[in-house]
N, C-alpha and C. Protein backbone atom coordinates (compact mmCIF):
# COMPACT_ATOMS: atom_id res chain seq x y z
N MET A 1 23.19 -37.19 11.48
CA MET A 1 22.65 -35.95 11.98
C MET A 1 22.02 -35.16 10.83
N ALA A 2 20.85 -34.60 11.07
CA ALA A 2 20.13 -33.86 10.04
C ALA A 2 20.81 -32.52 9.75
N ARG A 3 20.83 -32.17 8.48
CA ARG A 3 21.43 -30.91 8.04
C ARG A 3 20.32 -29.85 7.97
N ILE A 4 20.58 -28.70 8.56
CA ILE A 4 19.60 -27.62 8.54
C ILE A 4 19.93 -26.71 7.37
N GLU A 5 18.91 -26.43 6.56
CA GLU A 5 19.08 -25.56 5.40
C GLU A 5 18.60 -24.16 5.78
N GLN A 6 19.46 -23.15 5.59
CA GLN A 6 19.12 -21.80 5.99
C GLN A 6 17.96 -21.22 5.18
N TYR A 7 17.92 -21.51 3.89
CA TYR A 7 16.87 -21.00 3.01
C TYR A 7 16.18 -22.17 2.30
N PRO A 8 15.21 -22.81 2.97
CA PRO A 8 14.58 -24.02 2.41
C PRO A 8 13.43 -23.76 1.44
N HIS A 9 13.01 -22.50 1.29
CA HIS A 9 11.85 -22.20 0.45
C HIS A 9 12.25 -21.43 -0.80
N TYR A 10 11.27 -21.21 -1.69
CA TYR A 10 11.51 -20.57 -2.98
C TYR A 10 10.55 -19.39 -3.14
N LEU A 11 11.10 -18.26 -3.56
CA LEU A 11 10.32 -17.03 -3.72
C LEU A 11 10.10 -16.75 -5.20
N PHE A 12 8.84 -16.45 -5.54
CA PHE A 12 8.45 -16.12 -6.91
C PHE A 12 7.69 -14.80 -6.89
N ALA A 13 7.89 -13.99 -7.92
CA ALA A 13 7.09 -12.78 -8.11
C ALA A 13 6.04 -13.10 -9.17
N LEU A 14 4.83 -12.60 -8.96
CA LEU A 14 3.76 -12.78 -9.94
C LEU A 14 3.81 -11.61 -10.92
N GLU A 15 4.10 -11.91 -12.16
CA GLU A 15 4.16 -10.88 -13.20
C GLU A 15 2.92 -11.00 -14.07
N THR A 16 2.14 -9.93 -14.12
CA THR A 16 0.89 -9.94 -14.87
C THR A 16 0.99 -8.97 -16.04
N THR A 17 0.63 -9.45 -17.22
CA THR A 17 0.59 -8.57 -18.39
C THR A 17 -0.83 -8.04 -18.53
N GLU A 18 -0.97 -6.84 -19.04
CA GLU A 18 -2.28 -6.23 -19.19
C GLU A 18 -3.01 -6.77 -20.41
N SER A 19 -4.33 -6.69 -20.35
CA SER A 19 -5.15 -7.05 -21.52
C SER A 19 -4.92 -6.01 -22.60
N TYR A 20 -5.10 -6.43 -23.85
CA TYR A 20 -4.93 -5.49 -24.96
C TYR A 20 -5.88 -5.88 -26.09
N ARG A 21 -6.03 -4.96 -27.03
CA ARG A 21 -6.88 -5.22 -28.20
C ARG A 21 -6.01 -5.60 -29.39
N ASP A 22 -6.44 -6.62 -30.12
CA ASP A 22 -5.71 -7.01 -31.33
C ASP A 22 -6.15 -6.11 -32.49
N ASP A 23 -5.63 -6.38 -33.68
CA ASP A 23 -5.92 -5.55 -34.86
C ASP A 23 -7.40 -5.54 -35.24
N ASP A 24 -8.14 -6.59 -34.85
CA ASP A 24 -9.57 -6.67 -35.16
C ASP A 24 -10.44 -6.05 -34.07
N GLY A 25 -9.83 -5.53 -33.02
CA GLY A 25 -10.58 -4.90 -31.93
C GLY A 25 -11.01 -5.86 -30.84
N ASN A 26 -10.57 -7.12 -30.91
CA ASN A 26 -10.92 -8.11 -29.89
C ASN A 26 -9.98 -7.97 -28.69
N TRP A 27 -10.56 -8.10 -27.50
CA TRP A 27 -9.75 -8.05 -26.30
C TRP A 27 -9.00 -9.36 -26.11
N ILE A 28 -7.71 -9.26 -25.87
CA ILE A 28 -6.87 -10.42 -25.56
C ILE A 28 -6.53 -10.31 -24.08
N PRO A 29 -6.93 -11.31 -23.28
CA PRO A 29 -6.70 -11.21 -21.83
C PRO A 29 -5.21 -11.28 -21.49
N GLY A 30 -4.86 -10.59 -20.42
CA GLY A 30 -3.48 -10.64 -19.93
C GLY A 30 -3.19 -11.99 -19.31
N SER A 31 -1.95 -12.24 -19.05
CA SER A 31 -1.56 -13.51 -18.44
C SER A 31 -0.76 -13.26 -17.16
N THR A 32 -0.74 -14.24 -16.29
CA THR A 32 0.03 -14.17 -15.05
C THR A 32 1.08 -15.26 -15.09
N GLU A 33 2.31 -14.87 -14.75
CA GLU A 33 3.43 -15.81 -14.81
C GLU A 33 4.23 -15.72 -13.51
N LEU A 34 4.66 -16.87 -13.01
CA LEU A 34 5.53 -16.91 -11.84
C LEU A 34 6.97 -16.73 -12.29
N ILE A 35 7.65 -15.72 -11.74
CA ILE A 35 9.05 -15.45 -12.05
C ILE A 35 9.87 -15.81 -10.81
N TYR A 36 10.80 -16.74 -10.96
CA TYR A 36 11.63 -17.18 -9.83
C TYR A 36 12.56 -16.06 -9.40
N VAL A 37 12.54 -15.73 -8.11
CA VAL A 37 13.40 -14.68 -7.56
C VAL A 37 14.61 -15.30 -6.87
N GLY A 38 14.39 -16.33 -6.03
CA GLY A 38 15.50 -16.96 -5.35
C GLY A 38 15.05 -17.76 -4.14
N LYS A 39 16.03 -18.28 -3.42
CA LYS A 39 15.78 -19.05 -2.20
C LYS A 39 15.40 -18.11 -1.08
N CYS A 40 14.67 -18.64 -0.10
CA CYS A 40 14.24 -17.81 1.02
C CYS A 40 13.85 -18.71 2.20
N ARG A 41 13.48 -18.03 3.30
CA ARG A 41 12.92 -18.74 4.46
C ARG A 41 11.71 -17.93 4.93
N GLU A 42 10.54 -18.53 4.88
CA GLU A 42 9.30 -17.87 5.28
C GLU A 42 9.02 -18.21 6.74
N GLU A 43 8.72 -17.17 7.52
CA GLU A 43 8.40 -17.34 8.94
C GLU A 43 7.05 -16.70 9.21
N THR A 44 6.08 -17.49 9.63
CA THR A 44 4.74 -16.99 9.92
C THR A 44 4.77 -16.10 11.16
N ASN A 45 3.99 -15.03 11.12
CA ASN A 45 3.91 -14.09 12.24
C ASN A 45 2.89 -14.60 13.25
N GLY A 46 3.31 -15.53 14.08
CA GLY A 46 2.41 -16.13 15.06
C GLY A 46 2.10 -15.24 16.25
N LYS A 47 2.93 -14.22 16.50
CA LYS A 47 2.73 -13.34 17.65
C LYS A 47 1.90 -12.10 17.32
N GLY A 48 1.60 -11.89 16.05
CA GLY A 48 0.84 -10.70 15.67
C GLY A 48 1.66 -9.43 15.71
N SER A 49 2.97 -9.54 15.47
CA SER A 49 3.85 -8.38 15.46
C SER A 49 3.47 -7.42 14.35
N GLN A 50 3.84 -6.16 14.52
CA GLN A 50 3.54 -5.14 13.53
C GLN A 50 4.82 -4.51 13.01
N ILE A 51 4.72 -3.93 11.81
CA ILE A 51 5.82 -3.15 11.24
C ILE A 51 5.28 -1.77 10.88
N GLN A 52 6.21 -0.82 10.86
CA GLN A 52 5.83 0.54 10.48
C GLN A 52 6.07 0.72 9.00
N LEU A 53 5.04 1.13 8.29
CA LEU A 53 5.12 1.36 6.86
C LEU A 53 5.33 2.85 6.60
N ALA A 54 5.46 3.20 5.34
CA ALA A 54 5.62 4.60 4.97
C ALA A 54 4.46 5.42 5.52
N GLY A 55 4.76 6.62 5.96
CA GLY A 55 3.72 7.48 6.50
C GLY A 55 3.43 7.22 7.97
N GLY A 56 4.21 6.35 8.61
CA GLY A 56 4.04 6.10 10.03
C GLY A 56 2.91 5.16 10.39
N VAL A 57 2.33 4.48 9.40
CA VAL A 57 1.22 3.56 9.64
C VAL A 57 1.78 2.21 10.11
N PHE A 58 1.19 1.66 11.18
CA PHE A 58 1.59 0.34 11.66
C PHE A 58 0.63 -0.70 11.10
N HIS A 59 1.19 -1.84 10.70
CA HIS A 59 0.37 -2.89 10.09
C HIS A 59 0.83 -4.25 10.61
N THR A 60 -0.12 -5.11 10.91
CA THR A 60 0.20 -6.49 11.31
C THR A 60 0.46 -7.29 10.04
N TYR A 61 1.62 -7.89 9.95
CA TYR A 61 1.99 -8.65 8.76
C TYR A 61 1.70 -10.13 8.95
N SER A 62 1.59 -10.86 7.84
CA SER A 62 1.30 -12.30 7.88
C SER A 62 2.57 -13.12 8.02
N SER A 63 3.60 -12.75 7.24
CA SER A 63 4.85 -13.51 7.23
C SER A 63 6.03 -12.59 7.02
N LEU A 64 7.16 -13.00 7.59
CA LEU A 64 8.45 -12.37 7.35
C LEU A 64 9.23 -13.35 6.48
N VAL A 65 9.78 -12.86 5.38
CA VAL A 65 10.54 -13.71 4.47
C VAL A 65 11.99 -13.25 4.50
N GLN A 66 12.88 -14.15 4.92
CA GLN A 66 14.32 -13.89 4.97
C GLN A 66 14.94 -14.29 3.64
N LEU A 67 15.83 -13.45 3.12
CA LEU A 67 16.45 -13.68 1.80
C LEU A 67 17.97 -13.55 1.90
N PRO A 68 18.71 -14.30 1.10
CA PRO A 68 20.17 -14.19 1.13
C PRO A 68 20.63 -12.81 0.65
N LYS A 69 21.80 -12.42 1.12
CA LYS A 69 22.41 -11.17 0.67
C LYS A 69 22.56 -11.21 -0.86
N GLY A 70 22.25 -10.10 -1.51
CA GLY A 70 22.38 -10.04 -2.96
C GLY A 70 21.10 -10.31 -3.72
N THR A 71 20.03 -10.70 -3.00
CA THR A 71 18.75 -10.91 -3.68
C THR A 71 18.24 -9.56 -4.18
N ARG A 72 17.75 -9.54 -5.41
CA ARG A 72 17.29 -8.26 -5.98
C ARG A 72 16.13 -7.68 -5.19
N ARG A 73 16.07 -6.37 -5.19
CA ARG A 73 15.02 -5.64 -4.48
C ARG A 73 13.66 -5.94 -5.12
N ILE A 74 12.66 -6.13 -4.27
CA ILE A 74 11.29 -6.36 -4.73
C ILE A 74 10.45 -5.19 -4.24
N SER A 75 9.80 -4.52 -5.15
CA SER A 75 9.05 -3.31 -4.82
C SER A 75 7.83 -3.60 -3.97
N GLU A 76 7.51 -2.65 -3.10
CA GLU A 76 6.30 -2.75 -2.30
C GLU A 76 5.10 -2.82 -3.25
N GLY A 77 4.14 -3.65 -2.90
CA GLY A 77 2.96 -3.82 -3.74
C GLY A 77 3.05 -4.98 -4.72
N THR A 78 4.27 -5.52 -4.92
CA THR A 78 4.45 -6.67 -5.80
C THR A 78 3.81 -7.90 -5.18
N LYS A 79 3.07 -8.65 -5.98
CA LYS A 79 2.47 -9.89 -5.50
C LYS A 79 3.52 -10.99 -5.62
N VAL A 80 3.69 -11.77 -4.54
CA VAL A 80 4.68 -12.83 -4.51
C VAL A 80 4.07 -14.12 -4.00
N VAL A 81 4.77 -15.21 -4.28
CA VAL A 81 4.41 -16.55 -3.80
C VAL A 81 5.65 -17.15 -3.17
N VAL A 82 5.49 -17.76 -2.00
CA VAL A 82 6.56 -18.55 -1.38
C VAL A 82 6.12 -20.00 -1.46
N ALA A 83 7.00 -20.84 -2.01
CA ALA A 83 6.66 -22.25 -2.21
C ALA A 83 7.70 -23.16 -1.57
N ASN A 84 7.29 -24.41 -1.36
CA ASN A 84 8.20 -25.43 -0.82
C ASN A 84 9.06 -26.06 -1.89
N ASP A 85 8.68 -25.89 -3.16
CA ASP A 85 9.42 -26.51 -4.26
C ASP A 85 9.78 -25.47 -5.33
N GLN A 86 10.78 -25.81 -6.13
CA GLN A 86 11.29 -24.87 -7.12
C GLN A 86 10.34 -24.65 -8.29
N SER A 87 9.37 -25.51 -8.46
CA SER A 87 8.40 -25.32 -9.54
C SER A 87 7.27 -24.37 -9.13
N GLY A 88 7.16 -24.08 -7.83
CA GLY A 88 6.11 -23.18 -7.34
C GLY A 88 4.77 -23.84 -7.15
N GLU A 89 4.71 -25.16 -7.27
CA GLU A 89 3.45 -25.90 -7.17
C GLU A 89 2.97 -26.04 -5.72
N ASP A 90 3.91 -26.28 -4.79
CA ASP A 90 3.57 -26.50 -3.38
C ASP A 90 3.65 -25.16 -2.64
N GLU A 91 2.59 -24.37 -2.77
CA GLU A 91 2.57 -23.01 -2.24
C GLU A 91 2.43 -22.97 -0.73
N ARG A 92 3.26 -22.15 -0.07
CA ARG A 92 3.17 -21.93 1.37
C ARG A 92 2.30 -20.72 1.68
N ILE A 93 2.58 -19.62 0.98
CA ILE A 93 1.83 -18.38 1.20
C ILE A 93 1.92 -17.53 -0.06
N GLN A 94 0.89 -16.73 -0.25
CA GLN A 94 0.85 -15.79 -1.36
C GLN A 94 0.42 -14.46 -0.76
N GLY A 95 1.06 -13.38 -1.19
CA GLY A 95 0.70 -12.08 -0.64
C GLY A 95 1.35 -10.94 -1.38
N GLU A 96 1.12 -9.76 -0.85
CA GLU A 96 1.65 -8.54 -1.44
C GLU A 96 2.76 -8.01 -0.54
N VAL A 97 3.88 -7.62 -1.14
CA VAL A 97 5.01 -7.10 -0.37
C VAL A 97 4.61 -5.78 0.28
N MET A 98 4.71 -5.75 1.61
CA MET A 98 4.39 -4.53 2.35
C MET A 98 5.63 -3.68 2.55
N LYS A 99 6.78 -4.35 2.73
CA LYS A 99 8.03 -3.64 3.00
C LYS A 99 9.19 -4.56 2.61
N PHE A 100 10.27 -3.96 2.10
CA PHE A 100 11.48 -4.71 1.74
C PHE A 100 12.66 -3.99 2.39
N ASP A 101 13.53 -4.75 3.04
CA ASP A 101 14.70 -4.18 3.70
C ASP A 101 15.94 -4.93 3.25
N GLN A 102 16.86 -4.21 2.62
CA GLN A 102 18.11 -4.81 2.17
C GLN A 102 19.17 -4.53 3.23
N GLY A 103 19.48 -5.54 4.04
CA GLY A 103 20.43 -5.37 5.13
C GLY A 103 21.85 -5.68 4.71
N GLN A 104 22.76 -5.56 5.65
CA GLN A 104 24.17 -5.80 5.38
C GLN A 104 24.47 -7.29 5.19
N LEU A 105 23.78 -8.14 5.95
CA LEU A 105 24.06 -9.58 5.89
C LEU A 105 22.99 -10.38 5.15
N HIS A 106 21.78 -9.83 5.07
CA HIS A 106 20.68 -10.50 4.38
C HIS A 106 19.59 -9.47 4.10
N SER A 107 18.57 -9.87 3.38
CA SER A 107 17.43 -9.01 3.08
C SER A 107 16.17 -9.62 3.70
N ARG A 108 15.17 -8.78 3.90
CA ARG A 108 13.91 -9.26 4.46
C ARG A 108 12.76 -8.57 3.74
N LEU A 109 11.66 -9.29 3.64
CA LEU A 109 10.44 -8.66 3.14
C LEU A 109 9.28 -9.15 3.98
N TRP A 110 8.28 -8.28 4.09
CA TRP A 110 7.11 -8.57 4.90
C TRP A 110 5.89 -8.67 4.01
N LEU A 111 5.07 -9.70 4.24
CA LEU A 111 3.81 -9.90 3.50
C LEU A 111 2.64 -9.64 4.43
């Protein structure tokens, strides 16, 4: 019998450093790095459901990402990647966190 895994996907935050000038005045470009956040389960919004954001604005989200209890809070506006593998190579979806909810039994974020 097949075993069902509650959190089969991997969540990464995209951390970008800003460009800066070196001692000679040359611009050094910033870099983008994938930071592993934890296991998750990504569910595509096939019904076109909406969530209410700050200020009472309703927005149709692309995906709901379920996270285990204890996953660190991810700020709204953070760019994230959900992947099928722990290296982040097999990307499922990439987006910006619209809302994060830390519940009693698990956490959720909307992209």
